[in-house]
Every structure is written in structure tokens, then in C-alpha cells.
């Protein structure tokens, strides 16, 4: 008497014929990377920032009015962007502690120099 194959054996054979999937892992330093298009920072003056270097440049030329729009007692948009998009909690805290535009820029530039050395 021949034994019938059950569904279990059929499923096993079907699974073994599926092509294997490969996953490519890319490791790069997030702080030096660029934010995806949908996560670019749009400054109140209309500029779009895609990375931390552009944030440093923007802080240099930004008016006090625009800076105060993003950084005040209620919020710190620059700190939040750095933390949420670039996952650099240390830099985000340094930016949050900055009392003015120049201190925020110095915090960003220090972090970039540290990363590049």
C-alpha cells in the first residue's frame, strides 16, 4: 500500500522552490548624510535644508526673526530635526541648549569637525 503525501510535504517542496531574498546593508554615518526629500527642513524664509552642513550655513546668514520663529520657549525646530531625522541626540541637545543663533551654529560646526577628524 502506497503512502499518500500530505499537505505538509507539498508545502515544504513549494517553499524550497522560492527564490531566496537578499538584503543589502549600507552603513554610513547618518550625521554626514542627506535627509530624504520628504524630510528636508523648510526654513521660514523658504530655504530647504537637506543636511547638517546646510544647517550650519543657514544659521550664519539667517535673520534673527527667522531664527526666533524656529527657536523659542515653545519649540526648537532645528534640534527636533537633527534628533528625528539624523538620530544625533547629542547634537540635538547641544542645539537645544544654545541661547542664540551663534551658539547653535557653533554647536553644529563643532559636531561636524568632530565627525570629520
C-alpha atoms as a PDB file:
ATOM      1  CA  UNK A   1       0.000   0.000   0.000  1.00  0.00           C
ATOM      2  CA  UNK A   2       1.457   3.333  -1.030  1.00  0.00           C
ATOM      3  CA  UNK A   3       1.544   6.178   1.425  1.00  0.00           C
ATOM      4  CA  UNK A   4      -0.062   9.438   0.333  1.00  0.00           C
ATOM      5  CA  UNK A   5       1.842  12.627   0.744  1.00  0.00           C
ATOM      6  CA  UNK A   6       0.112  15.136   2.946  1.00  0.00           C
ATOM      7  CA  UNK A   7      -0.177  18.889   2.535  1.00  0.00           C
ATOM      8  CA  UNK A   8       2.817  19.271   4.802  1.00  0.00           C
ATOM      9  CA  UNK A   9       5.193  17.681   2.265  1.00  0.00           C
ATOM     10  CA  UNK A  10       3.723  19.723  -0.587  1.00  0.00           C
ATOM     11  CA  UNK A  11       4.213  22.939   1.365  1.00  0.00           C
ATOM     12  CA  UNK A  12       7.800  22.003   2.156  1.00  0.00           C
ATOM     13  CA  UNK A  13       8.559  21.402  -1.532  1.00  0.00           C
ATOM     14  CA  UNK A  14       6.844  24.654  -2.558  1.00  0.00           C
ATOM     15  CA  UNK A  15       8.873  26.626  -0.014  1.00  0.00           C
ATOM     16  CA  UNK A  16      12.146  25.163  -1.170  1.00  0.00           C
ATOM     17  CA  UNK A  17      11.497  26.367  -4.741  1.00  0.00           C
ATOM     18  CA  UNK A  18      11.039  30.026  -3.725  1.00  0.00           C
ATOM     19  CA  UNK A  19      13.990  32.211  -4.666  1.00  0.00           C
ATOM     20  CA  UNK A  20      15.958  33.334  -1.663  1.00  0.00           C
ATOM     21  CA  UNK A  21      15.861  37.017  -0.842  1.00  0.00           C
ATOM     22  CA  UNK A  22      18.979  39.040  -0.321  1.00  0.00           C
ATOM     23  CA  UNK A  23      19.265  42.097   1.841  1.00  0.00           C
ATOM     24  CA  UNK A  24      21.890  44.755   1.230  1.00  0.00           C
ATOM     25  CA  UNK A  25      23.015  46.615   4.305  1.00  0.00           C
ATOM     26  CA  UNK A  26      24.590  50.019   3.828  1.00  0.00           C
ATOM     27  CA  UNK A  27      26.270  51.539   6.842  1.00  0.00           C
ATOM     28  CA  UNK A  28      27.098  55.210   6.680  1.00  0.00           C
ATOM     29  CA  UNK A  29      27.357  57.980   9.149  1.00  0.00           C
ATOM     30  CA  UNK A  30      23.921  59.495   9.363  1.00  0.00           C
ATOM     31  CA  UNK A  31      25.194  62.883  10.505  1.00  0.00           C
ATOM     32  CA  UNK A  32      27.026  63.378   7.190  1.00  0.00           C
ATOM     33  CA  UNK A  33      24.140  62.106   5.099  1.00  0.00           C
ATOM     34  CA  UNK A  34      21.227  63.872   3.458  1.00  0.00           C
ATOM     35  CA  UNK A  35      17.655  63.879   4.603  1.00  0.00           C
ATOM     36  CA  UNK A  36      15.195  62.270   2.184  1.00  0.00           C
ATOM     37  CA  UNK A  37      13.211  64.760   0.106  1.00  0.00           C
ATOM     38  CA  UNK A  38      10.131  64.411   2.316  1.00  0.00           C
ATOM     39  CA  UNK A  39      12.180  65.187   5.455  1.00  0.00           C
ATOM     40  CA  UNK A  40      14.058  68.267   4.258  1.00  0.00           C
ATOM     41  CA  UNK A  41      13.858  71.210   6.625  1.00  0.00           C
ATOM     42  CA  UNK A  42      11.925  74.125   5.189  1.00  0.00           C
ATOM     43  CA  UNK A  43      13.100  77.340   6.844  1.00  0.00           C
ATOM     44  CA  UNK A  44      10.587  80.133   7.376  1.00  0.00           C
ATOM     45  CA  UNK A  45      12.405  82.191   4.718  1.00  0.00           C
ATOM     46  CA  UNK A  46      11.774  79.456   2.119  1.00  0.00           C
ATOM     47  CA  UNK A  47      15.198  77.771   2.036  1.00  0.00           C
ATOM     48  CA  UNK A  48      15.256  73.978   2.075  1.00  0.00           C
ATOM     49  CA  UNK A  49      17.969  72.255   4.072  1.00  0.00           C
ATOM     50  CA  UNK A  50      18.978  68.697   3.236  1.00  0.00           C
ATOM     51  CA  UNK A  51      21.883  68.126   5.619  1.00  0.00           C
ATOM     52  CA  UNK A  52      23.690  69.345   8.721  1.00  0.00           C
ATOM     53  CA  UNK A  53      26.258  71.318   6.723  1.00  0.00           C
ATOM     54  CA  UNK A  54      23.460  73.329   5.111  1.00  0.00           C
ATOM     55  CA  UNK A  55      22.015  73.959   8.572  1.00  0.00           C
ATOM     56  CA  UNK A  56      25.355  75.458   9.672  1.00  0.00           C
ATOM     57  CA  UNK A  57      25.432  77.678   6.579  1.00  0.00           C
ATOM     58  CA  UNK A  58      21.821  78.747   7.015  1.00  0.00           C
ATOM     59  CA  UNK A  59      22.390  79.694  10.657  1.00  0.00           C
ATOM     60  CA  UNK A  60      25.186  82.019   9.558  1.00  0.00           C
ATOM     61  CA  UNK A  61      23.008  84.090   7.222  1.00  0.00           C
ATOM     62  CA  UNK A  62      19.599  83.641   8.859  1.00  0.00           C
ATOM     63  CA  UNK A  63      17.858  86.699  10.272  1.00  0.00           C
ATOM     64  CA  UNK A  64      17.113  86.816  13.997  1.00  0.00           C
ATOM     65  CA  UNK A  65      13.401  86.930  13.161  1.00  0.00           C
ATOM     66  CA  UNK A  66      13.578  83.655  11.212  1.00  0.00           C
ATOM     67  CA  UNK A  67      15.717  82.051  13.932  1.00  0.00           C
ATOM     68  CA  UNK A  68      13.206  83.053  16.630  1.00  0.00           C
ATOM     69  CA  UNK A  69      10.415  81.586  14.517  1.00  0.00           C
ATOM     70  CA  UNK A  70      12.077  78.169  14.749  1.00  0.00           C
ATOM     71  CA  UNK A  71      13.693  78.505  18.180  1.00  0.00           C
ATOM     72  CA  UNK A  72      11.700  79.904  21.073  1.00  0.00           C
ATOM     73  CA  UNK A  73      10.402  78.931  24.511  1.00  0.00           C
ATOM     74  CA  UNK A  74       7.835  76.581  22.993  1.00  0.00           C
ATOM     75  CA  UNK A  75       9.963  74.702  20.457  1.00  0.00           C
ATOM     76  CA  UNK A  76      13.321  74.214  18.821  1.00  0.00           C
ATOM     77  CA  UNK A  77      12.718  73.018  15.281  1.00  0.00           C
ATOM     78  CA  UNK A  78      16.421  72.623  14.458  1.00  0.00           C
ATOM     79  CA  UNK A  79      17.050  70.404  17.463  1.00  0.00           C
ATOM     80  CA  UNK A  80      13.985  68.290  16.654  1.00  0.00           C
ATOM     81  CA  UNK A  81      15.037  67.881  13.006  1.00  0.00           C
ATOM     82  CA  UNK A  82      18.553  66.770  13.954  1.00  0.00           C
ATOM     83  CA  UNK A  83      17.206  64.301  16.509  1.00  0.00           C
ATOM     84  CA  UNK A  84      14.336  62.882  14.430  1.00  0.00           C
ATOM     85  CA  UNK A  85      15.982  62.743  11.001  1.00  0.00           C
ATOM     86  CA  UNK A  86      19.699  62.315  11.688  1.00  0.00           C
ATOM     87  CA  UNK A  87      19.327  60.470  15.016  1.00  0.00           C
ATOM     88  CA  UNK A  88      22.064  62.556  16.625  1.00  0.00           C
ATOM     89  CA  UNK A  89      20.687  63.086  20.112  1.00  0.00           C
ATOM     90  CA  UNK A  90      23.903  64.641  21.395  1.00  0.00           C
ATOM     91  CA  UNK A  91      23.913  67.363  18.734  1.00  0.00           C
ATOM     92  CA  UNK A  92      20.183  67.877  19.194  1.00  0.00           C
ATOM     93  CA  UNK A  93      20.753  68.519  22.907  1.00  0.00           C
ATOM     94  CA  UNK A  94      23.609  70.929  22.164  1.00  0.00           C
ATOM     95  CA  UNK A  95      21.389  72.872  19.754  1.00  0.00           C
ATOM     96  CA  UNK A  96      18.557  72.900  22.296  1.00  0.00           C
ATOM     97  CA  UNK A  97      20.905  74.380  24.946  1.00  0.00           C
ATOM     98  CA  UNK A  98      22.096  77.136  22.600  1.00  0.00           C
ATOM     99  CA  UNK A  99      20.871  80.529  23.733  1.00  0.00           C
ATOM    100  CA  UNK A 100      21.175  82.211  20.347  1.00  0.00           C
ATOM    101  CA  UNK A 101      21.848  81.691  16.666  1.00  0.00           C
ATOM    102  CA  UNK A 102      25.633  81.873  17.002  1.00  0.00           C
ATOM    103  CA  UNK A 103      25.742  79.258  19.772  1.00  0.00           C
ATOM    104  CA  UNK A 104      23.548  76.942  17.688  1.00  0.00           C
ATOM    105  CA  UNK A 105      25.862  77.372  14.710  1.00  0.00           C
ATOM    106  CA  UNK A 106      28.952  76.711  16.840  1.00  0.00           C
ATOM    107  CA  UNK A 107      27.349  73.515  18.190  1.00  0.00           C
ATOM    108  CA  UNK A 108      26.657  72.288  14.652  1.00  0.00           C
ATOM    109  CA  UNK A 109      30.128  73.187  13.385  1.00  0.00           C
ATOM    110  CA  UNK A 110      31.827  71.516  16.370  1.00  0.00           C
ATOM    111  CA  UNK A 111      29.908  68.325  15.683  1.00  0.00           C
ATOM    112  CA  UNK A 112      30.841  68.388  12.000  1.00  0.00           C
ATOM    113  CA  UNK A 113      34.525  68.966  12.770  1.00  0.00           C
ATOM    114  CA  UNK A 114      34.471  66.135  15.313  1.00  0.00           C
ATOM    115  CA  UNK A 115      32.925  63.824  12.726  1.00  0.00           C
ATOM    116  CA  UNK A 116      35.438  64.707  10.037  1.00  0.00           C
ATOM    117  CA  UNK A 117      38.511  64.177  12.251  1.00  0.00           C
END
